[in-house]
Amino acid sequence: MTDSDATTLTGERRSARKRTAILEAATTVFLRKGYLGTSMDEIAALAAVSKQTVYKHFADKQRLFSEIVTSTVDEAGDRVYRAVLDLADSGDIEADLRELARRELALVLQPRVLQLRRLVIGEAARFPELGRVFYEQGPGRTIAALAAAFERLAARGVLQLDDPLLAAAHFNWLVLSIPLNQAMLLGTDEPASAAELDRYADAGVRVFLAAYGAR
């Protein structure tokens, strides 16, 4: 590696660290003060960079906000999506659905994801595209993956269903609806106890299989 290459690599790493610092600072401020209450000056100060550096990485506040929404939802959504992929080959559908339900609850009820969900809902009229991204990369993606898995399970005779997409939506909300609605409407970011989340997971799976399980 030449001295020029080493200098370039060092500069790229420094730039990446600054970008990460800006995103972390912006997330903190946006979640604390909302979109309108957040200024680029505050973000720069918290990230310990100049405002010019913030604008070098993100053209304006809207693009910075969009990046935060997209990256946060993608990260959580990817982890749920990966958990769904192996479901179609399940040898013990009840046990695997219970495990999936626990993972989904743990990921969706993360404090930062809940806070961001509230913020996106609050800004939906201003940024409808972000609401669409949040849905498509979050619950929409999970439900579509579940539908594909359920269709294969039905073909194997493990489940009985006519509408895989509807069945996937039923499963998703049987598991999530109670704790998610409580968290969203009551402003509670502290997760429920493990025992309580297990109860929601197990009850959701039990009702789902009562409706869609093989007979």
Foldseek 3Di string as FASTA:
>chain_A
DDPVVVVVVVVVVVLVLLVVLLLVLLLVCCLVQNLVRDDLCSSCVSSVHDSVSVCVVPVDSVRSLLVNLLVLLLVLLVVLLVLLQCQLVDPDNLVSQLVSLLSNLVSCLALSNLSSVLRCVVCCVVCVVSVVSSCCSHVVVNLVSQLVSVVSCVVVLFWDDDRSSVLSVQLVCQLPVVQSVCCNPVVDSDDDDPVVSSVSSNRSSVVSCVVIGHD
